[in-house]
Every structure is written in C-alpha cells, then in structure tokens.
Amino acid sequence: MYVVTGGAGFIGSNLLATLEARGLGPLACIDHCDDAHKARNIAKRKSNHVIAPEQTFAFLDFQQSNIKAIFHLGAITSTTERDLVKLNEVNVRLSRALWAWCTRNDVPFIYASSAATYGDGDLGFDDDNRVEALARLKPLNPYGQSKHTFDLLVAQETAAGSSAPPAWAGLKFFNVYGANEFHKGTQASLVPQVYAKAAKGEAYPLFRSHNPAYPDGGQLRDFVFVEDCCDVMLWLMENPPNAILNLGTGKARSFLDLASAVYRAVGREPLITWRDTPEDIRHQYQYFTQARMDRLRAAGYPRPFTALEAGVAATVQKHLSQPDPYR
C-alpha cells in the first residue's frame, strides 16, 4: 500500500492517478474531502482508501505491515496564511510525527518542502543540505518559514546521525501547474486562472512589476508540470537520495510566457491587461525563481522536463477544456 497525505489536493491527487496508472496499489488517500472539487479530484481512483486526517496514525498502525511508502504532501499551502499555531501544527509537528513513524516502522518517506524556503532568492536556489547552508535562508512568509523549519529539523537530525526512515527525500517544489487545481481558488497556478478568461476571449490582468529590474509580466518563475513532479517522486521511491532536493525544471520563464501559452492553447492570441500587486504581499513577492537541478541529476534522474508550452497545452486540452476537467 502507498499512502499519500493530502491525497485529494493538487499534487497528491495527481500522484494517486500516476500510481494507479502504473499499476501500483492499493492506495490510501489521507485528506478531508468535504470540498466538492477535492472529492472530484479522486473520484476516478479505483483502489483508494480515504482516511480522515485525524485518523492518520490509527490507520498507519493498523496497516503497518502493508505500507510500502508514505508520500507526505498534506500541508497548509497558502502563502497568505498568518495563523502561526496552525502552520506549526500541520506543517511542522505532523511532518515530524510522520518522520518518526516511518523511522520506527522502516517505511520510506518522501515529503513536500517548497521553493518558498528560499525567500527573495538573493542567496540563490541551491539545494545544499548542510545545516549551515539551510540556516542562511530567509523565507518571506509564514508558510515558507514552516516548510523551512521542518527542512532544518531533518538536516540537523541526519547530520547528527540520528535515526531516520530507511529511505527518504524532501522536495522543494517550485511553481507547479497542471490538472486538479480548482479547489485552490486564488492560490491555484495561473494556468486555470488565465484559462477562465482566455476560453471566453477576455483579457487576463497580470500583476505589474514593482521592481525596476523586471518589466511588467517579466517576473520570472520556474514553472514545472505536475506530471513531471509525479514521475520524479516515483523514481525517488526506487532511487532514494536521502536528501532534500529541488524540483523545478532549471529554466525560469516569465508570467507573460505562461499566460501567452494558455491563450495559444485555446487558439487565441494573448490578450493581457495589467493590475497592481496587492500591497499586503508586495514586500513578500519573489521576482525570480530558478531551481538548481544538478543534485537531482547527479542522483541519477534521467528524464527531461516538459517544456512550458507543451505542459500548458496538455493541461488545457486534456483537462481544462473537457466536460470533465479532472484527472
């Protein structure tokens, strides 16, 4: 059995679909499915156990001898969340408890970190696992800090030679896009947000740049296709590096590039207007992210990443434009 926490969410539901497509199972989805979109994210899965998060450890203990790996993708992922108690409980304490359970029970553990741990990027995007290197990072928001806190705990424990899961990996996801994002609302990637306008021939308002180094729409991010992320996670399950690694493409593209790709995927020329970045997030805005990918490559991951235009076209044509857009 493969367990996916946050399995009804964006990356989690795509991972369940990938596991099932490759004939791997049975599958266990740990998540609340009280949102209609999240329920539909996993409605097509045939071999799912669905477990409420408050039953996580009772379920794990009961199924202990059957569990082949835990993919811990469940988290509070909103970059605007300000409840520090809730962030610590879900993103730090739960992660520590799962790490400890996998350690005690010899179960491989793959967990989601975030590129938000890098802050404004002034220190680069090097997935250096040394404690002193990680300690220099300064996340811009409480969400990024919560992910960074757990990364540091993992680095400190492994550097000290403490017990750890028999195989593990932490993944600093960059800007992931793809199917099954509807439940995220304004926190979804730009792809479904732009599609909602592009499909109707309306203009999409991108954020203006408030940094003179970047033109409007020229803010750069490392956009990575969710299906590539799933492929990497399954490869890591068989080839665990016991390290925290970046998961992007290694190639930054502009928001204008991404929005334009959505319009072209629906057969229209890009139609863009501009809006100011809200003041409450303007000082926490990442203008540039680009994953350094040499450590994942050095670990042996062999496959190329999907080009932005191809990934956007697949998302639009296979999902967003279909009567049933869920994967």
Protein backbone atom coordinates (compact mmCIF):
# COMPACT_ATOMS: atom_id res chain seq x y z
CA MET A 1 0.00 0.00 0.00
CA TYR A 2 1.15 3.51 -0.88
CA VAL A 3 -0.07 6.28 1.41
CA VAL A 4 -0.47 9.85 0.15
CA THR A 5 -1.26 12.56 2.69
CA GLY A 6 -3.05 15.49 1.10
CA GLY A 7 -4.12 12.95 -1.50
CA ALA A 8 -7.25 14.84 -2.56
CA GLY A 9 -5.27 18.01 -3.15
CA PHE A 10 -3.47 19.16 -6.27
CA ILE A 11 -0.16 17.31 -6.33
CA GLY A 12 -1.49 14.48 -4.15
CA SER A 13 -4.40 13.61 -6.44
CA ASN A 14 -2.11 13.66 -9.47
CA LEU A 15 0.29 11.33 -7.67
CA LEU A 16 -2.55 8.91 -6.88
CA ALA A 17 -3.55 8.96 -10.57
CA THR A 18 0.04 8.24 -11.59
CA LEU A 19 0.44 5.41 -9.09
CA GLU A 20 -2.79 3.82 -10.32
CA ALA A 21 -1.84 4.27 -13.99
CA ARG A 22 1.40 2.38 -13.32
CA GLY A 23 -0.41 -0.48 -11.62
CA LEU A 24 0.84 0.37 -8.13
CA GLY A 25 -1.50 -0.09 -5.22
CA PRO A 26 -3.58 -0.38 -3.20
CA LEU A 27 -3.65 3.32 -2.44
CA ALA A 28 -4.54 5.29 0.67
CA CYS A 29 -5.56 8.95 0.47
CA ILE A 30 -5.37 10.84 3.75
CA ASP A 31 -7.33 14.06 3.39
CA HIS A 32 -10.57 15.87 4.09
CA CYS A 33 -12.86 15.53 1.07
CA ASP A 34 -15.57 17.94 2.21
CA ASP A 35 -14.82 20.23 -0.75
CA ALA A 36 -16.65 19.25 -3.95
CA HIS A 37 -13.57 19.88 -6.10
CA LYS A 38 -11.32 17.76 -3.87
CA ALA A 39 -13.85 14.94 -3.94
CA ARG A 40 -13.84 15.04 -7.75
CA ASN A 41 -10.02 15.12 -7.79
CA ILE A 42 -10.03 11.49 -6.60
CA ALA A 43 -13.42 10.29 -7.88
CA LYS A 44 -11.84 8.26 -10.70
CA ARG A 45 -9.46 6.31 -8.48
CA LYS A 46 -10.40 2.65 -8.20
CA SER A 47 -8.18 1.42 -5.38
CA ASN A 48 -8.37 4.22 -2.83
CA HIS A 49 -8.86 4.03 0.90
CA VAL A 50 -9.88 7.53 2.01
CA ILE A 51 -8.92 8.35 5.60
CA ALA A 52 -9.72 11.49 7.57
CA PRO A 53 -6.53 13.23 8.76
CA GLU A 54 -7.45 12.83 12.42
CA GLN A 55 -7.36 9.04 11.88
CA THR A 56 -3.89 9.10 10.29
CA PHE A 57 -1.87 7.29 12.93
CA ALA A 58 -4.59 4.79 13.86
CA PHE A 59 -4.77 3.84 10.17
CA LEU A 60 -0.99 3.67 9.78
CA ASP A 61 -0.60 1.48 12.85
CA PHE A 62 -3.36 -0.87 11.65
CA GLN A 63 -1.85 -1.16 8.15
CA GLN A 64 1.81 -1.01 9.20
CA SER A 65 2.85 -4.32 7.65
CA ASN A 66 1.25 -3.39 4.30
CA ILE A 67 2.68 0.10 3.81
CA LYS A 68 5.41 0.34 1.17
CA ALA A 69 5.95 4.12 1.28
CA ILE A 70 4.41 7.35 2.56
CA PHE A 71 4.27 10.43 0.35
CA HIS A 72 3.63 13.35 2.69
CA LEU A 73 2.06 16.10 0.58
CA GLY A 74 -0.56 17.26 3.08
CA ALA A 75 0.04 20.79 4.33
CA ILE A 76 -1.34 24.27 4.69
CA THR A 77 -0.04 25.66 1.40
CA SER A 78 -1.49 29.16 1.35
CA THR A 79 1.28 31.75 1.08
CA THR A 80 -1.03 34.28 2.77
CA GLU A 81 -1.81 32.15 5.86
CA ARG A 82 -0.93 34.06 9.05
CA ASP A 83 -2.04 31.61 11.76
CA LEU A 84 1.34 30.54 13.09
CA VAL A 85 -0.13 28.00 15.50
CA LYS A 86 -1.99 26.22 12.71
CA LEU A 87 1.03 26.32 10.39
CA ASN A 88 3.25 24.84 13.07
CA GLU A 89 0.73 22.12 13.93
CA VAL A 90 0.15 20.98 10.34
CA ASN A 91 3.38 21.80 8.51
CA VAL A 92 5.90 21.07 11.27
CA ARG A 93 4.51 18.86 14.06
CA LEU A 94 2.60 16.50 11.76
CA SER A 95 5.63 16.18 9.49
CA ARG A 96 7.84 15.35 12.48
CA ALA A 97 5.35 12.75 13.69
CA LEU A 98 5.23 11.07 10.27
CA TRP A 99 9.03 11.15 10.01
CA ALA A 100 9.22 9.45 13.42
CA TRP A 101 6.58 6.85 12.47
CA CYS A 102 8.44 5.95 9.27
CA THR A 103 11.69 5.74 11.23
CA ARG A 104 10.18 3.35 13.81
CA ASN A 105 8.49 1.21 11.19
CA ASP A 106 11.17 1.17 8.44
CA VAL A 107 8.92 2.81 5.84
CA PRO A 108 10.31 5.06 3.06
CA PHE A 109 9.24 8.69 3.38
CA ILE A 110 9.02 11.34 0.67
CA TYR A 111 7.79 14.77 1.73
CA ALA A 112 6.96 18.13 0.20
CA SER A 113 9.03 21.17 1.02
CA SER A 114 8.81 24.34 -1.08
CA ALA A 115 10.81 26.86 -3.08
CA ALA A 116 9.24 29.41 -0.71
CA THR A 117 12.01 28.42 1.72
CA TYR A 118 14.47 30.38 -0.46
CA GLY A 119 12.89 33.75 0.29
CA ASP A 120 13.64 36.51 -2.20
CA GLY A 121 16.30 34.42 -3.93
CA ASP A 122 19.22 36.69 -3.09
CA LEU A 123 21.07 33.65 -1.73
CA GLY A 124 20.32 31.60 -4.83
CA PHE A 125 18.35 28.38 -5.23
CA ASP A 126 20.97 25.82 -4.28
CA ASP A 127 19.56 22.71 -2.57
CA ASP A 128 22.61 22.43 -0.31
CA ASN A 129 21.65 20.09 2.56
CA ARG A 130 24.28 21.30 5.02
CA VAL A 131 22.73 22.74 8.18
CA GLU A 132 24.78 25.93 7.90
CA ALA A 133 23.63 26.47 4.30
CA LEU A 134 19.97 25.92 5.12
CA ALA A 135 20.20 28.16 8.19
CA ARG A 136 21.14 31.13 5.98
CA LEU A 137 17.83 31.04 4.10
CA LYS A 138 15.19 33.65 4.97
CA PRO A 139 11.65 32.77 3.82
CA LEU A 140 9.40 35.73 3.07
CA ASN A 141 6.18 34.45 4.64
CA PRO A 142 4.99 32.15 7.47
CA TYR A 143 4.17 29.32 5.05
CA GLY A 144 7.72 29.32 3.69
CA GLN A 145 9.08 29.52 7.23
CA SER A 146 7.07 26.49 8.33
CA LYS A 147 8.46 24.41 5.46
CA HIS A 148 11.95 25.70 6.20
CA THR A 149 11.63 24.78 9.87
CA PHE A 150 10.97 21.14 9.03
CA ASP A 151 13.79 21.05 6.45
CA LEU A 152 16.16 22.32 9.14
CA LEU A 153 14.97 19.70 11.63
CA VAL A 154 15.59 16.95 9.07
CA ALA A 155 19.04 18.33 8.22
CA GLN A 156 20.00 18.65 11.88
CA GLU A 157 18.86 15.15 12.78
CA THR A 158 20.53 13.47 9.83
CA ALA A 159 23.74 15.47 10.31
CA ALA A 160 23.82 14.32 13.92
CA GLY A 161 23.43 10.70 12.86
CA SER A 162 20.01 10.33 14.44
CA SER A 163 17.68 7.57 13.32
CA ALA A 164 15.82 8.27 10.08
CA PRO A 165 13.47 6.46 7.71
CA PRO A 166 15.26 3.73 5.74
CA ALA A 167 14.91 5.83 2.58
CA TRP A 168 13.72 9.41 2.30
CA ALA A 169 13.64 12.56 0.21
CA GLY A 170 12.41 16.10 0.71
CA LEU A 171 11.33 18.03 -2.38
CA LYS A 172 11.44 21.80 -2.75
CA PHE A 173 8.62 22.18 -5.26
CA PHE A 174 8.87 25.27 -7.45
CA ASN A 175 5.81 26.62 -9.35
CA VAL A 176 3.79 23.51 -10.10
CA TYR A 177 0.87 23.62 -12.55
CA GLY A 178 -1.48 21.05 -14.07
CA ALA A 179 -4.85 19.33 -13.59
CA ASN A 180 -6.94 19.28 -10.39
CA GLU A 181 -6.33 22.80 -9.08
CA PHE A 182 -9.90 24.08 -8.84
CA HIS A 183 -10.14 23.69 -5.05
CA LYS A 184 -7.22 26.10 -4.58
CA GLY A 185 -9.13 29.18 -5.76
CA THR A 186 -6.85 32.22 -5.94
CA GLN A 187 -3.93 30.08 -4.73
CA ALA A 188 -4.09 27.96 -7.90
CA SER A 189 -1.40 28.39 -10.54
CA LEU A 190 -2.01 30.95 -13.26
CA VAL A 191 -2.96 28.25 -15.79
CA PRO A 192 -6.61 27.70 -14.73
CA GLN A 193 -6.98 31.36 -13.82
CA VAL A 194 -5.85 32.56 -17.25
CA TYR A 195 -7.84 29.81 -18.97
CA ALA A 196 -11.08 31.08 -17.42
CA LYS A 197 -10.54 34.35 -19.31
CA ALA A 198 -8.85 33.01 -22.43
CA ALA A 199 -11.62 30.49 -23.16
CA LYS A 200 -14.11 33.36 -23.33
CA GLY A 201 -11.82 35.64 -25.36
CA GLU A 202 -11.41 38.03 -22.45
CA ALA A 203 -8.26 39.78 -21.28
CA TYR A 204 -6.34 38.49 -18.28
CA PRO A 205 -4.88 41.08 -15.86
CA LEU A 206 -1.31 40.14 -14.92
CA PHE A 207 0.42 41.78 -11.96
CA ARG A 208 2.54 44.79 -12.79
CA SER A 209 6.17 44.65 -11.76
CA HIS A 210 7.10 46.83 -8.81
CA ASN A 211 10.78 46.07 -9.29
CA PRO A 212 12.68 48.11 -11.89
CA ALA A 213 14.80 45.10 -12.78
CA TYR A 214 11.74 43.35 -14.29
CA PRO A 215 9.25 44.66 -16.87
CA ASP A 216 5.52 44.14 -16.36
CA GLY A 217 4.86 40.43 -16.89
CA GLY A 218 8.59 39.79 -16.90
CA GLN A 219 8.70 38.38 -13.39
CA LEU A 220 10.42 35.01 -13.73
CA ARG A 221 9.47 31.70 -12.14
CA ASP A 222 10.47 28.08 -12.59
CA PHE A 223 7.16 26.54 -13.73
CA VAL A 224 7.09 22.73 -13.51
CA PHE A 225 4.41 20.37 -14.86
CA VAL A 226 2.73 18.29 -12.15
CA GLU A 227 3.06 15.07 -14.18
CA ASP A 228 6.84 15.56 -14.18
CA CYS A 229 6.72 16.01 -10.40
CA CYS A 230 4.88 12.70 -10.05
CA ASP A 231 7.42 10.94 -12.23
CA VAL A 232 10.25 12.28 -10.07
CA MET A 233 8.54 11.15 -6.85
CA LEU A 234 8.07 7.61 -8.12
CA TRP A 235 11.65 7.50 -9.36
CA LEU A 236 12.87 8.67 -5.94
CA MET A 237 10.87 5.91 -4.29
CA GLU A 238 13.07 3.42 -6.15
CA ASN A 239 16.24 5.55 -6.01
CA PRO A 240 16.14 7.38 -2.67
CA PRO A 241 18.88 10.00 -2.26
CA ASN A 242 18.27 10.62 1.47
CA ALA A 243 18.45 14.34 0.77
CA ILE A 244 16.39 17.48 0.26
CA LEU A 245 16.29 18.30 -3.45
CA ASN A 246 14.87 20.97 -5.72
CA LEU A 247 12.02 20.03 -8.01
CA GLY A 248 11.68 22.52 -10.84
CA THR A 249 12.89 22.48 -14.43
CA GLY A 250 16.04 24.56 -14.04
CA LYS A 251 14.72 27.10 -16.54
CA ALA A 252 12.88 30.25 -15.42
CA ARG A 253 10.11 31.61 -17.65
CA SER A 254 8.05 34.79 -17.38
CA PHE A 255 4.46 35.12 -16.29
CA LEU A 256 3.81 36.64 -19.71
CA ASP A 257 5.21 33.47 -21.32
CA LEU A 258 2.86 31.32 -19.27
CA ALA A 259 -0.22 33.45 -19.89
CA SER A 260 0.55 33.59 -23.60
CA ALA A 261 0.89 29.79 -23.70
CA VAL A 262 -2.61 29.43 -22.22
CA TYR A 263 -4.16 31.73 -24.85
CA ARG A 264 -2.39 29.90 -27.66
CA ALA A 265 -3.52 26.53 -26.27
CA VAL A 266 -7.11 27.66 -26.82
CA GLY A 267 -6.29 29.02 -30.28
CA ARG A 268 -6.22 32.72 -29.40
CA GLU A 269 -3.61 35.43 -29.44
CA PRO A 270 -2.63 36.62 -25.95
CA LEU A 271 -4.80 39.40 -24.53
CA ILE A 272 -3.20 40.88 -21.43
CA THR A 273 -4.01 43.86 -19.20
CA TRP A 274 -2.28 44.92 -16.00
CA ARG A 275 -3.11 45.28 -12.30
CA ASP A 276 -1.06 46.31 -9.28
CA THR A 277 0.27 43.64 -6.98
CA PRO A 278 -1.70 43.91 -3.69
CA GLU A 279 0.22 45.94 -1.14
CA ASP A 280 -0.08 43.27 1.56
CA ILE A 281 2.02 40.81 -0.48
CA ARG A 282 4.16 43.25 -2.47
CA HIS A 283 7.04 43.11 0.02
CA GLN A 284 6.91 39.28 0.07
CA TYR A 285 7.00 38.79 -3.68
CA GLN A 286 9.52 36.53 -5.42
CA TYR A 287 10.52 38.16 -8.72
CA PHE A 288 12.80 35.33 -9.77
CA THR A 289 12.97 31.61 -9.01
CA GLN A 290 15.01 29.02 -10.86
CA ALA A 291 15.78 25.62 -9.42
CA ARG A 292 19.33 24.41 -9.44
CA MET A 293 18.79 20.86 -10.68
CA ASP A 294 22.27 19.34 -10.72
CA ARG A 295 21.81 17.39 -7.48
CA LEU A 296 18.74 15.55 -8.76
CA ARG A 297 20.62 14.83 -11.98
CA ALA A 298 23.67 13.67 -10.01
CA ALA A 299 21.36 11.31 -8.09
CA GLY A 300 20.60 9.75 -11.48
CA TYR A 301 17.20 11.10 -12.52
CA PRO A 302 17.37 10.68 -16.32
CA ARG A 303 14.28 12.17 -17.95
CA PRO A 304 13.83 15.66 -19.44
CA PHE A 305 11.24 18.05 -18.04
CA THR A 306 8.23 19.07 -20.09
CA ALA A 307 8.61 22.45 -21.84
CA LEU A 308 6.23 25.14 -20.55
CA GLU A 309 4.24 25.39 -23.78
CA ALA A 310 3.78 21.62 -24.00
CA GLY A 311 2.73 21.26 -20.37
CA VAL A 312 0.26 24.14 -20.60
CA ALA A 313 -1.20 22.75 -23.84
CA ALA A 314 -1.64 19.31 -22.24
CA THR A 315 -3.35 20.83 -19.18
CA VAL A 316 -5.72 22.92 -21.31
CA GLN A 317 -6.53 20.35 -23.97
CA LYS A 318 -6.69 17.17 -21.83
CA HIS A 319 -8.36 18.72 -18.81
CA LEU A 320 -9.49 22.35 -18.61
CA SER A 321 -11.31 22.36 -21.95
CA GLN A 322 -13.04 19.00 -21.36
CA PRO A 323 -16.56 18.46 -19.96
CA ASP A 324 -14.91 16.58 -17.08
CA PRO A 325 -11.68 18.50 -16.41
CA TYR A 326 -10.50 16.34 -13.52
CA ARG A 327 -7.68 13.86 -13.90
